Amino acid sequence: MSTDHRANLSLLFPPPSIAPFSQLSAVNWPGATAESTEALLEVLKDNHERWHVFFTKKKYHSHVAHRSLAMYALGVEGSVIKNMYANDSVYLKEAFDSPGEITEHNFVDHLGDDRYYTGYLHFFTYYVLHKGVGITLEEFIFSRKYNISSDAPTLSNAPLPASSKQKKAPAVEILQHLEQEYEARNSEEIKKEEPHMLSRFLSGLIHPFIHTAHGIEFGLPGLVVEGLAQAAVTEDQCTPLLPKLLFESESESQFASGLNIDTDKESFTLHSSLNEVRLVDPTSNAKPVAMKVLSSDGREPQNNEAKINSTEGEKRGHALTILQRILSSSTIVPPKGLKDEREIFVWTISNHGEAIASIVSKWNPDTNTSSGTRKAIEEIVWVACLVYGVGGWTGRDKVNGVFNADFYLVHLVTSSLFLPALLFPLPPSSRRAFLLGYLSTSMVWYTARGKPNLDIHGFFSSSPLSSQEDEAPNRWIPLFTPSITHSEEHVLKAVRALAHWGGLYGTKPRGFLCEVEEVEFDGKEAVDGTLFVRVAELTVMRMARDGKGRRLFGDMLGFYE
């Protein structure tokens, strides 16, 4: 089933789309040129062929594609994109051949085993180029078959092929401590009868979703392929957060059925590079057929859109209310005495996963309509930015007294930027499954990192960090230049996400949440749209140079008592 990667690189990495993917998608800055486009594609193709997705035995993720695309979206010159790629890739692990080929018959056998990353990369390359991105996503991430069905093809009783020798990763002194006393898990231990692909998509600090959604937003099938392969070799840590009922609406798979909805001029479709890229067997007389997908972002769905969980008249709840219930719970408590981040997350899932999922299930977002989906995304954005920003400010005394820029919680902010790209093309049932799983995962991380208190009134009454009106009338402008070339890739990603949400929601006045009936959240009367620029300024200040040089990562201490 494998296909020649090199021959397909131009199909996997066409010139990226620079048009906004949806009404909620980040708008690219001016500055992209033919030269920067060529540089970006050179970097993405090299990364695709040269590097493994993980660079430690702890499965730390490569972010080189993410920074490259963020810089491109901000109009950064091609030479800078290539230079930062060279800097960011010095610690990556070289790609290597998998011990065996991945096919539909043995797909389940090697899930969670990162030795098979290249095998899954080849598998999804074939599937995306022959079936299309939409069908591939719906089949392998949201279908019953690849989540809770034990009928998924498996050859687990067959002998495994002999392992090939892995190429050694470049030696980087600063990462050596990450390898010490950490043994790779036995591949037999991570086999499951049920594939749990959505769980894998949300595990690994949400990185498989982040990577895949980059591909959708920028119209790059190659990034989608990499993200799906990454999901396949990620452990299924989030399974307790995903009730099986979420996968019961198999008939909703409009990707697979080829149903096209909202055919008017304002309808939403995938980027043409994703929508139409399709290979056919060269020996066949068949012609490529564009993939038709569910459209929904331009306007409300038409009458022929299949609806799920019709709950007119029922309370929808609010994501901030869910956050308040988690925060106020005396039984959902952070772990104690654990230092390894994987152990912390797994402990929290094991001890509180079902309770958190039960609380999140009270949130009932309207995924049948585009307006309901937009509202759900906005709710999650406020949750993510309050948890990371106000939580980091409230818990600042645990680090330097300015801001606790938690490395793990910042992923709630950076990942939120890509919710529109993934959600709007999906059918209602898949949107719902992802939203509930995503919010549950976010709440687990919030708990796992120490469940920081949120001093809402203190945060919003504090003085802004910037007071350079003469030098920079716009508070955002000074934040981007140091972020673009910062040694820590997440700084730019965080600032870009915060700036985008600030552009959409920055005009919200103090007390606007009091007008939202469903919101039950302590301090809601003090929240306003300055949240985003305040958090961005705190992040850049905390991650800036100090007497000890630039920081490699964000803060790792958490918020534990």
Protein backbone atom coordinates (compact mmCIF):
# COMPACT_ATOMS: atom_id res chain seq x y z
CA MET A 1 0.00 0.00 0.00
CA SER A 2 2.97 2.32 0.35
CA THR A 3 3.51 5.00 -2.25
CA ASP A 4 6.61 6.88 -3.33
CA HIS A 5 6.94 9.89 -1.01
CA ARG A 6 9.29 11.77 -3.27
CA ALA A 7 7.05 11.45 -6.31
CA ASN A 8 4.11 12.79 -4.32
CA LEU A 9 5.81 15.70 -2.54
CA SER A 10 4.35 18.29 -4.90
CA LEU A 11 0.87 16.92 -4.20
CA LEU A 12 1.44 16.77 -0.46
CA PHE A 13 2.96 20.25 -0.32
CA PRO A 14 1.36 22.61 -2.83
CA PRO A 15 1.70 26.38 -2.33
CA PRO A 16 -0.14 27.08 0.95
CA SER A 17 -3.45 28.85 0.97
CA ILE A 18 -3.25 32.40 2.27
CA ALA A 19 -6.99 33.04 2.32
CA PRO A 20 -8.75 32.82 5.70
CA PHE A 21 -10.09 29.30 6.13
CA SER A 22 -13.25 30.47 7.86
CA GLN A 23 -14.75 33.47 9.60
CA LEU A 24 -12.86 32.53 12.77
CA SER A 25 -9.54 31.62 11.14
CA ALA A 26 -6.43 33.71 11.64
CA VAL A 27 -5.85 36.28 8.90
CA ASN A 28 -2.40 36.13 7.35
CA TRP A 29 -0.32 39.28 7.45
CA PRO A 30 1.05 40.89 4.27
CA GLY A 31 4.60 39.92 3.41
CA ALA A 32 4.36 36.48 1.81
CA THR A 33 6.24 36.39 -1.50
CA ALA A 34 7.22 33.84 -4.11
CA GLU A 35 10.60 33.63 -2.38
CA SER A 36 9.14 33.01 1.09
CA THR A 37 6.69 30.47 -0.35
CA GLU A 38 9.54 28.58 -2.00
CA ALA A 39 11.52 28.67 1.25
CA LEU A 40 8.55 27.40 3.26
CA LEU A 41 7.88 24.49 0.91
CA GLU A 42 11.58 23.59 0.89
CA VAL A 43 11.54 23.46 4.69
CA LEU A 44 8.30 21.45 4.92
CA LYS A 45 9.41 18.90 2.34
CA ASP A 46 12.80 18.46 4.02
CA ASN A 47 11.12 18.01 7.38
CA HIS A 48 8.66 15.49 5.92
CA GLU A 49 11.41 13.24 4.57
CA ARG A 50 14.25 13.82 6.99
CA TRP A 51 12.94 13.84 10.55
CA HIS A 52 10.93 11.65 12.86
CA VAL A 53 7.98 13.27 14.61
CA PHE A 54 9.42 12.50 18.08
CA PHE A 55 12.91 13.43 19.24
CA THR A 56 13.12 11.72 22.64
CA LYS A 57 11.99 8.45 24.16
CA LYS A 58 9.41 10.50 26.03
CA LYS A 59 7.90 11.29 22.63
CA TYR A 60 8.56 15.01 22.70
CA HIS A 61 7.21 16.46 19.48
CA SER A 62 8.92 18.25 16.63
CA HIS A 63 7.50 21.77 16.15
CA VAL A 64 9.56 22.91 13.18
CA ALA A 65 6.63 22.88 10.77
CA HIS A 66 4.46 24.85 13.21
CA ARG A 67 6.94 27.71 13.63
CA SER A 68 7.66 27.77 9.90
CA LEU A 69 3.97 28.16 9.07
CA ALA A 70 3.42 30.74 11.81
CA MET A 71 6.28 32.83 10.43
CA TYR A 72 4.98 32.50 6.89
CA ALA A 73 1.51 33.58 8.01
CA LEU A 74 3.07 36.68 9.58
CA GLY A 75 4.88 37.62 6.38
CA VAL A 76 8.39 36.71 7.54
CA GLU A 77 11.09 36.57 4.86
CA GLY A 78 12.13 33.23 3.42
CA SER A 79 15.72 33.49 4.66
CA VAL A 80 14.48 33.81 8.24
CA ILE A 81 12.17 30.82 7.81
CA LYS A 82 15.11 28.71 6.62
CA ASN A 83 17.45 29.96 9.33
CA MET A 84 14.99 29.23 12.11
CA TYR A 85 14.34 25.77 10.65
CA ALA A 86 18.08 25.08 10.79
CA ASN A 87 18.15 26.20 14.43
CA ASP A 88 15.05 24.28 15.45
CA SER A 89 16.04 21.01 13.80
CA VAL A 90 19.45 20.49 15.44
CA TYR A 91 17.95 18.30 18.16
CA LEU A 92 15.54 16.28 16.01
CA LYS A 93 15.80 12.55 15.42
CA GLU A 94 16.39 11.30 11.92
CA ALA A 95 13.60 9.33 10.30
CA PHE A 96 14.09 5.61 9.81
CA ASP A 97 12.33 2.77 8.06
CA SER A 98 9.65 1.01 10.06
CA PRO A 99 10.11 -2.68 10.92
CA GLY A 100 7.28 -3.50 8.54
CA GLU A 101 4.65 -2.05 6.25
CA ILE A 102 1.35 -0.73 7.61
CA THR A 103 -1.76 -1.89 5.79
CA GLU A 104 -5.47 -1.89 6.52
CA HIS A 105 -5.05 -5.48 7.74
CA ASN A 106 -2.46 -4.72 10.44
CA PHE A 107 -3.31 -1.05 11.11
CA VAL A 108 -4.32 -1.72 14.72
CA ASP A 109 -1.38 -3.95 15.57
CA HIS A 110 1.23 -1.21 15.86
CA LEU A 111 -0.77 1.72 17.21
CA GLY A 112 1.25 3.61 19.81
CA ASP A 113 4.56 2.22 18.57
CA ASP A 114 6.71 5.07 17.28
CA ARG A 115 8.97 2.66 15.38
CA TYR A 116 6.13 2.49 12.87
CA TYR A 117 5.80 6.24 12.29
CA THR A 118 7.19 5.99 8.76
CA GLY A 119 4.91 3.04 8.04
CA TYR A 120 1.84 5.03 9.09
CA LEU A 121 3.15 8.02 7.15
CA HIS A 122 3.20 5.92 3.98
CA PHE A 123 -0.21 4.44 4.79
CA PHE A 124 -1.90 7.82 5.24
CA THR A 125 -0.12 9.27 2.21
CA TYR A 126 -1.72 6.60 0.07
CA TYR A 127 -5.10 7.03 1.72
CA VAL A 128 -5.20 10.83 1.51
CA LEU A 129 -4.04 10.97 -2.10
CA HIS A 130 -6.51 8.32 -3.20
CA LYS A 131 -9.51 9.00 -0.96
CA GLY A 132 -9.15 12.65 0.02
CA VAL A 133 -8.52 14.41 3.31
CA GLY A 134 -12.13 14.53 4.47
CA ILE A 135 -12.88 10.85 4.04
CA THR A 136 -9.57 9.95 5.70
CA LEU A 137 -10.27 12.11 8.75
CA GLU A 138 -13.81 10.88 9.20
CA GLU A 139 -12.81 7.25 8.74
CA PHE A 140 -9.69 7.09 10.92
CA ILE A 141 -10.42 9.68 13.62
CA PHE A 142 -14.19 9.76 14.12
CA SER A 143 -15.66 6.48 12.91
CA ARG A 144 -16.92 3.80 15.25
CA LYS A 145 -14.69 1.28 13.48
CA TYR A 146 -11.46 3.02 14.41
CA ASN A 147 -12.51 4.00 17.91
CA ILE A 148 -14.60 1.48 19.80
CA SER A 149 -15.01 -1.42 17.42
CA SER A 150 -12.98 -4.54 18.05
CA ASP A 151 -13.69 -5.51 14.45
CA ALA A 152 -10.96 -3.25 13.07
CA PRO A 153 -8.56 -5.41 11.02
CA THR A 154 -5.68 -6.81 13.04
CA LEU A 155 -2.93 -9.36 12.62
CA SER A 156 -1.86 -9.25 16.26
CA ASN A 157 -1.25 -13.00 16.32
CA ALA A 158 1.12 -12.89 13.39
CA PRO A 159 4.89 -12.63 14.02
CA LEU A 160 6.31 -9.12 13.81
CA PRO A 161 8.90 -8.43 11.10
CA ALA A 162 12.48 -8.11 12.24
CA SER A 163 13.27 -4.63 13.54
CA SER A 164 15.45 -2.39 11.45
CA LYS A 165 18.25 -0.43 13.03
CA GLN A 166 17.29 3.08 14.02
CA LYS A 167 19.52 5.94 13.01
CA LYS A 168 20.89 7.82 15.97
CA ALA A 169 19.59 11.29 16.68
CA PRO A 170 22.01 14.21 16.73
CA ALA A 171 23.67 14.59 20.11
CA VAL A 172 22.42 17.67 21.88
CA GLU A 173 23.67 18.20 25.41
CA ILE A 174 20.61 20.06 26.65
CA LEU A 175 18.33 17.11 25.89
CA GLN A 176 20.43 14.37 27.45
CA HIS A 177 18.64 14.60 30.79
CA LEU A 178 15.35 13.81 29.06
CA GLU A 179 16.67 10.39 28.04
CA GLN A 180 18.08 9.29 31.38
CA GLU A 181 16.33 6.51 33.27
CA TYR A 182 13.42 6.49 30.85
CA GLU A 183 12.84 3.23 29.01
CA ALA A 184 10.65 2.99 25.95
CA ARG A 185 7.44 1.15 26.66
CA ASN A 186 7.17 -2.37 25.28
CA SER A 187 5.12 -2.26 22.11
CA GLU A 188 3.05 -5.22 23.28
CA GLU A 189 1.82 -3.19 26.29
CA ILE A 190 0.27 -0.47 24.14
CA LYS A 191 -1.77 -2.74 21.89
CA LYS A 192 -5.50 -2.41 22.34
CA GLU A 193 -8.40 -4.40 20.99
CA GLU A 194 -10.11 -1.11 20.24
CA PRO A 195 -8.16 1.44 18.17
CA HIS A 196 -9.23 4.58 20.10
CA MET A 197 -8.02 6.92 17.37
CA LEU A 198 -9.81 10.04 18.62
CA SER A 199 -8.21 9.42 22.01
CA ARG A 200 -4.81 9.29 20.33
CA PHE A 201 -5.67 12.43 18.36
CA LEU A 202 -6.20 14.28 21.66
CA SER A 203 -3.34 12.66 23.58
CA GLY A 204 0.30 13.69 23.52
CA LEU A 205 -0.61 17.19 24.76
CA ILE A 206 -3.04 17.55 21.84
CA HIS A 207 -0.18 17.61 19.32
CA PRO A 208 -1.69 15.23 16.72
CA PHE A 209 -4.69 17.56 16.44
CA ILE A 210 -2.48 20.65 16.29
CA HIS A 211 -0.34 19.20 13.51
CA THR A 212 -3.26 17.90 11.46
CA ALA A 213 -5.18 21.16 11.73
CA HIS A 214 -2.16 23.11 10.51
CA GLY A 215 -2.45 21.08 7.33
CA ILE A 216 -6.15 21.81 6.95
CA GLU A 217 -5.82 25.53 7.62
CA PHE A 218 -2.95 26.06 5.20
CA GLY A 219 -4.20 23.62 2.55
CA LEU A 220 -1.26 21.24 2.96
CA PRO A 221 -2.19 17.52 2.71
CA GLY A 222 1.35 16.60 3.77
CA LEU A 223 0.80 18.11 7.21
CA VAL A 224 -2.48 16.20 7.52
CA VAL A 225 -0.67 12.97 6.68
CA GLU A 226 2.02 13.70 9.28
CA GLY A 227 -0.58 14.56 11.92
CA LEU A 228 -2.54 11.37 11.36
CA ALA A 229 0.65 9.27 11.47
CA GLN A 230 1.57 11.06 14.68
CA ALA A 231 -1.83 10.19 16.14
CA ALA A 232 -1.36 6.55 15.21
CA VAL A 233 1.92 6.24 17.14
CA THR A 234 0.64 8.20 20.15
CA GLU A 235 -0.64 6.36 23.22
CA ASP A 236 -4.40 6.44 23.75
CA GLN A 237 -4.32 8.30 27.06
CA CYS A 238 -7.69 10.08 26.71
CA THR A 239 -9.97 7.06 26.25
CA PRO A 240 -11.74 7.50 29.66
CA LEU A 241 -12.82 10.96 28.50
CA LEU A 242 -14.67 9.68 25.43
CA PRO A 243 -17.90 7.79 26.17
CA LYS A 244 -18.72 5.18 23.56
CA LEU A 245 -22.01 6.94 22.93
CA LEU A 246 -20.07 9.62 21.04
CA PHE A 247 -19.35 7.13 18.26
CA GLU A 248 -22.83 5.76 17.80
CA SER A 249 -23.94 8.15 15.03
CA GLU A 250 -22.24 6.31 12.20
CA SER A 251 -24.83 7.48 9.68
CA GLU A 252 -23.67 11.06 10.18
CA SER A 253 -20.46 10.50 8.20
CA GLN A 254 -21.24 12.88 5.37
CA PHE A 255 -17.58 13.03 4.42
CA ALA A 256 -17.73 9.39 3.49
CA SER A 257 -21.10 9.61 1.78
CA GLY A 258 -19.92 12.42 -0.46
CA LEU A 259 -22.91 14.56 0.46
CA ASN A 260 -22.44 18.23 -0.34
CA ILE A 261 -24.40 20.73 1.72
CA ASP A 262 -24.80 24.52 1.46
CA THR A 263 -24.16 24.96 -2.23
CA ASP A 264 -24.83 28.70 -2.28
CA LYS A 265 -22.11 31.29 -2.83
CA GLU A 266 -21.45 31.79 0.88
CA SER A 267 -20.94 28.09 1.58
CA PHE A 268 -17.84 26.82 3.29
CA THR A 269 -15.55 24.25 1.68
CA LEU A 270 -12.11 22.88 2.29
CA HIS A 271 -9.23 24.60 0.54
CA SER A 272 -9.11 23.41 -3.06
CA SER A 273 -5.67 21.89 -2.50
CA LEU A 274 -7.21 19.64 0.14
CA ASN A 275 -10.58 19.33 -1.51
CA GLU A 276 -9.41 18.06 -4.86
CA VAL A 277 -6.04 16.39 -4.34
CA ARG A 278 -6.64 12.80 -5.27
CA LEU A 279 -4.62 10.19 -7.11
CA VAL A 280 -6.00 7.37 -9.19
CA ASP A 281 -4.43 4.12 -10.26
CA PRO A 282 -2.43 4.97 -13.42
CA THR A 283 -3.69 1.75 -15.01
CA SER A 284 -7.29 2.82 -14.48
CA ASN A 285 -9.40 4.94 -16.81
CA ALA A 286 -11.00 6.64 -13.84
CA LYS A 287 -10.64 10.38 -13.43
CA PRO A 288 -9.92 12.16 -10.17
CA VAL A 289 -13.09 13.35 -8.47
CA ALA A 290 -13.15 16.31 -6.12
CA MET A 291 -14.06 15.39 -2.56
CA LYS A 292 -17.37 16.89 -1.54
CA VAL A 293 -17.58 17.86 2.10
CA LEU A 294 -19.96 19.21 4.63
CA SER A 295 -19.99 23.00 4.41
CA SER A 296 -21.14 25.13 7.26
CA ASP A 297 -19.19 28.21 8.13
CA GLY A 298 -20.68 30.67 5.71
CA ARG A 299 -24.27 30.51 6.91
CA GLU A 300 -26.72 28.34 8.76
CA PRO A 301 -27.10 24.76 7.47
CA GLN A 302 -29.82 23.94 4.99
CA ASN A 303 -32.73 21.69 5.83
CA ASN A 304 -30.99 18.65 4.38
CA GLU A 305 -28.20 18.74 6.95
CA ALA A 306 -28.47 15.77 9.24
CA LYS A 307 -28.88 16.92 12.83
CA ILE A 308 -27.99 15.21 16.04
CA ASN A 309 -29.05 15.61 19.61
CA SER A 310 -31.79 18.08 18.79
CA THR A 311 -32.28 19.85 22.10
CA GLU A 312 -34.38 22.90 21.38
CA GLY A 313 -35.52 24.35 24.68
CA GLU A 314 -32.84 22.56 26.69
CA LYS A 315 -30.04 24.40 28.44
CA ARG A 316 -26.82 24.51 26.47
CA GLY A 317 -24.60 25.29 29.41
CA HIS A 318 -21.31 27.10 28.98
CA ALA A 319 -17.66 26.02 28.94
CA LEU A 320 -16.83 28.58 31.65
CA THR A 321 -19.45 26.99 33.88
CA ILE A 322 -17.67 23.66 33.36
CA LEU A 323 -14.36 25.29 34.34
CA GLN A 324 -15.96 26.71 37.51
CA ARG A 325 -17.28 23.29 38.51
CA ILE A 326 -13.86 21.70 38.06
CA LEU A 327 -12.22 24.54 39.98
CA SER A 328 -14.71 24.34 42.83
CA SER A 329 -14.69 20.56 43.15
CA SER A 330 -13.19 19.31 46.41
CA THR A 331 -12.82 15.79 45.07
CA ILE A 332 -11.06 16.53 41.78
CA VAL A 333 -7.62 17.30 43.15
CA PRO A 334 -4.16 17.57 41.56
CA PRO A 335 -1.60 14.79 41.94
CA LYS A 336 1.05 14.99 44.62
CA GLY A 337 4.63 13.79 44.62
CA LEU A 338 4.82 13.06 40.89
CA LYS A 339 7.36 14.78 38.64
CA ASP A 340 7.19 13.03 35.28
CA GLU A 341 4.60 14.82 33.13
CA ARG A 342 3.29 11.60 31.61
CA GLU A 343 2.76 10.07 35.06
CA ILE A 344 1.00 13.25 36.19
CA PHE A 345 -1.40 13.19 33.25
CA VAL A 346 -2.06 9.45 33.44
CA TRP A 347 -2.66 9.67 37.21
CA THR A 348 -5.18 12.48 36.71
CA ILE A 349 -6.97 10.58 33.94
CA SER A 350 -7.05 7.41 36.03
CA ASN A 351 -8.33 9.09 39.18
CA HIS A 352 -10.51 11.88 37.82
CA GLY A 353 -11.04 11.25 34.12
CA GLU A 354 -14.55 9.86 34.39
CA ALA A 355 -15.61 12.57 36.87
CA ILE A 356 -14.26 15.31 34.61
CA ALA A 357 -15.94 13.78 31.55
CA SER A 358 -19.21 13.61 33.48
CA ILE A 359 -19.03 17.32 34.33
CA VAL A 360 -18.09 18.22 30.76
CA SER A 361 -21.05 16.21 29.46
CA LYS A 362 -23.30 18.87 31.02
CA TRP A 363 -22.00 21.22 28.32
CA ASN A 364 -24.33 20.87 25.37
CA PRO A 365 -22.93 22.89 22.46
CA ASP A 366 -25.08 23.32 19.38
CA THR A 367 -23.02 21.53 16.74
CA ASN A 368 -25.87 21.41 14.25
CA THR A 369 -25.38 25.01 13.16
CA SER A 370 -22.45 27.18 12.21
CA SER A 371 -23.48 29.86 14.71
CA GLY A 372 -23.63 27.27 17.48
CA THR A 373 -20.21 25.94 16.54
CA ARG A 374 -18.75 29.45 16.50
CA LYS A 375 -20.20 30.04 19.96
CA ALA A 376 -18.69 26.80 21.26
CA ILE A 377 -15.27 27.78 19.91
CA GLU A 378 -15.47 31.19 21.57
CA GLU A 379 -16.37 29.58 24.90
CA ILE A 380 -13.34 27.30 24.71
CA VAL A 381 -11.09 30.23 23.80
CA TRP A 382 -12.07 32.11 26.97
CA VAL A 383 -11.50 28.98 29.05
CA ALA A 384 -8.05 28.32 27.55
CA CYS A 385 -6.81 31.89 27.86
CA LEU A 386 -8.14 32.37 31.40
CA VAL A 387 -6.64 29.09 32.60
CA TYR A 388 -3.21 29.79 31.12
CA GLY A 389 -3.16 33.57 31.58
CA VAL A 390 -4.99 34.31 34.82
CA GLY A 391 -3.80 31.01 36.29
CA GLY A 392 -0.21 31.88 35.40
CA TRP A 393 -0.55 35.38 36.86
CA THR A 394 -2.22 34.15 40.05
CA GLY A 395 0.47 31.50 40.51
CA ARG A 396 3.36 33.83 39.63
CA ASP A 397 4.99 33.54 43.05
CA LYS A 398 5.87 29.93 42.27
CA VAL A 399 8.39 31.14 39.70
CA ASN A 400 9.73 34.70 39.34
CA GLY A 401 6.88 36.74 40.74
CA VAL A 402 5.81 38.02 37.30
CA PHE A 403 4.15 35.16 35.43
CA ASN A 404 4.12 31.38 35.55
CA ALA A 405 4.17 30.58 31.82
CA ASP A 406 3.24 26.93 32.20
CA PHE A 407 4.59 24.92 29.28
CA TYR A 408 1.68 22.50 29.30
CA LEU A 409 -1.21 24.92 29.75
CA VAL A 410 0.05 27.16 26.94
CA HIS A 411 -0.90 24.34 24.57
CA LEU A 412 -4.54 25.00 25.39
CA VAL A 413 -4.03 28.47 23.91
CA THR A 414 -1.98 27.51 20.87
CA SER A 415 -4.26 24.61 19.93
CA SER A 416 -7.41 26.73 20.17
CA LEU A 417 -6.32 28.65 17.07
CA PHE A 418 -6.97 25.60 14.93
CA LEU A 419 -10.43 24.65 16.16
CA PRO A 420 -12.19 26.36 13.22
CA ALA A 421 -10.07 24.53 10.66
CA LEU A 422 -10.99 21.11 12.01
CA LEU A 423 -14.55 21.65 13.18
CA PHE A 424 -16.37 23.46 10.41
CA PRO A 425 -15.92 20.79 7.71
CA LEU A 426 -17.05 18.02 10.08
CA PRO A 427 -20.58 16.61 10.38
CA PRO A 428 -22.42 17.52 13.60
CA SER A 429 -21.75 14.26 15.42
CA SER A 430 -18.00 14.49 14.86
CA ARG A 431 -17.93 18.13 15.91
CA ARG A 432 -19.66 17.19 19.14
CA ALA A 433 -17.34 14.28 19.85
CA PHE A 434 -14.29 16.43 19.32
CA LEU A 435 -15.54 19.42 21.33
CA LEU A 436 -16.44 17.31 24.37
CA GLY A 437 -13.19 15.36 24.14
CA TYR A 438 -11.13 18.51 23.69
CA LEU A 439 -12.69 20.35 26.64
CA SER A 440 -12.35 17.24 28.84
CA THR A 441 -8.68 16.92 27.87
CA SER A 442 -8.13 20.60 28.65
CA MET A 443 -9.70 20.19 32.08
CA VAL A 444 -7.53 17.16 32.79
CA TRP A 445 -4.41 19.16 31.98
CA TYR A 446 -5.68 22.03 34.13
CA THR A 447 -6.08 19.61 37.04
CA ALA A 448 -2.85 17.76 36.33
CA ARG A 449 -0.81 20.97 36.44
CA GLY A 450 -2.07 21.83 39.92
CA LYS A 451 -5.49 23.38 39.23
CA PRO A 452 -4.24 26.96 39.68
CA ASN A 453 -6.56 29.46 41.33
CA LEU A 454 -7.93 32.23 39.14
CA ASP A 455 -7.77 35.69 40.73
CA ILE A 456 -9.99 37.30 38.13
CA HIS A 457 -10.45 40.65 39.89
CA GLY A 458 -6.76 40.95 40.73
CA PHE A 459 -5.69 40.17 37.19
CA PHE A 460 -7.99 42.63 35.44
CA SER A 461 -7.36 45.41 37.96
CA SER A 462 -3.59 45.10 37.63
CA SER A 463 -1.72 47.71 35.59
CA PRO A 464 -0.92 46.84 31.96
CA LEU A 465 2.71 45.91 31.43
CA SER A 466 3.16 48.19 28.43
CA SER A 467 3.28 51.95 28.90
CA GLN A 468 5.18 52.88 25.74
CA GLU A 469 2.44 54.77 23.97
CA ASP A 470 4.91 57.01 22.16
CA GLU A 471 7.06 54.13 20.90
CA ALA A 472 4.30 51.64 20.12
CA PRO A 473 0.74 53.01 20.05
CA ASN A 474 -0.44 49.47 19.35
CA ARG A 475 0.44 47.20 22.27
CA TRP A 476 0.66 44.17 20.01
CA ILE A 477 3.38 45.40 17.67
CA PRO A 478 6.37 45.06 20.05
CA LEU A 479 5.36 41.50 20.91
CA PHE A 480 5.89 39.91 17.51
CA THR A 481 9.50 40.68 16.58
CA PRO A 482 11.09 39.04 19.65
CA SER A 483 8.67 36.13 19.36
CA ILE A 484 9.51 35.27 15.75
CA THR A 485 13.14 34.43 16.45
CA HIS A 486 12.78 33.31 20.06
CA SER A 487 14.63 30.10 20.87
CA GLU A 488 11.38 28.61 22.22
CA GLU A 489 8.96 27.87 19.36
CA HIS A 490 5.85 28.12 21.52
CA VAL A 491 6.30 31.84 22.18
CA LEU A 492 5.45 32.82 18.61
CA LYS A 493 2.60 30.32 18.45
CA ALA A 494 1.12 31.64 21.69
CA VAL A 495 1.39 35.30 20.68
CA ARG A 496 -0.12 34.59 17.26
CA ALA A 497 -3.08 32.76 18.82
CA LEU A 498 -3.63 35.42 21.47
CA ALA A 499 -3.41 38.20 18.89
CA HIS A 500 -5.97 36.49 16.70
CA TRP A 501 -8.45 36.01 19.51
CA GLY A 502 -7.74 39.55 20.69
CA GLY A 503 -8.68 40.77 17.23
CA LEU A 504 -11.99 38.94 17.40
CA TYR A 505 -12.93 39.38 21.05
CA GLY A 506 -10.78 42.27 22.24
CA THR A 507 -13.69 44.72 22.18
CA LYS A 508 -15.70 42.77 24.74
CA PRO A 509 -16.50 45.22 27.56
CA ARG A 510 -16.10 44.57 31.25
CA GLY A 511 -19.01 42.51 32.52
CA PHE A 512 -20.14 41.18 29.15
CA LEU A 513 -20.28 37.66 30.59
CA CYS A 514 -23.00 38.80 32.99
CA GLU A 515 -25.27 39.09 29.98
CA VAL A 516 -24.77 35.41 29.12
CA GLU A 517 -27.39 33.48 31.03
CA GLU A 518 -25.55 30.14 30.98
CA VAL A 519 -22.33 31.47 32.56
CA GLU A 520 -21.76 30.56 36.19
CA PHE A 521 -18.22 31.73 36.83
CA ASP A 522 -16.72 33.52 39.82
CA GLY A 523 -15.42 36.93 38.78
CA LYS A 524 -17.27 37.02 35.46
CA GLU A 525 -18.21 40.66 36.07
CA ALA A 526 -14.52 41.67 35.80
CA VAL A 527 -13.62 39.83 32.58
CA ASP A 528 -13.09 41.90 29.44
CA GLY A 529 -11.36 41.75 26.07
CA THR A 530 -8.01 43.02 27.34
CA LEU A 531 -7.36 39.44 28.50
CA PHE A 532 -5.55 38.52 25.32
CA VAL A 533 -3.03 41.36 25.09
CA ARG A 534 -2.37 41.16 28.84
CA VAL A 535 -1.54 37.46 28.60
CA ALA A 536 0.59 37.97 25.49
CA GLU A 537 2.63 40.68 27.23
CA LEU A 538 3.14 38.50 30.29
CA THR A 539 4.24 35.59 28.12
CA VAL A 540 6.79 37.60 26.16
CA MET A 541 8.14 39.23 29.33
CA ARG A 542 8.53 35.89 31.09
CA MET A 543 10.20 34.23 28.12
CA ALA A 544 12.52 37.15 27.33
CA ARG A 545 16.23 37.19 28.02
CA ASP A 546 17.29 37.35 31.63
CA GLY A 547 20.63 37.06 33.33
CA LYS A 548 20.78 33.34 32.59
CA GLY A 549 20.13 33.62 28.86
CA ARG A 550 17.13 32.56 26.86
CA ARG A 551 14.87 29.88 28.24
CA LEU A 552 14.51 26.67 26.27
CA PHE A 553 11.07 25.78 27.59
CA GLY A 554 8.26 27.49 29.46
CA ASP A 555 7.83 27.03 33.18
CA MET A 556 7.71 23.40 34.29
CA LEU A 557 7.02 23.69 38.03
CA GLY A 558 3.23 23.74 37.78
CA PHE A 559 0.99 25.13 40.53
CA TYR A 560 1.24 22.46 43.18
CA GLU A 561 0.85 23.20 46.89
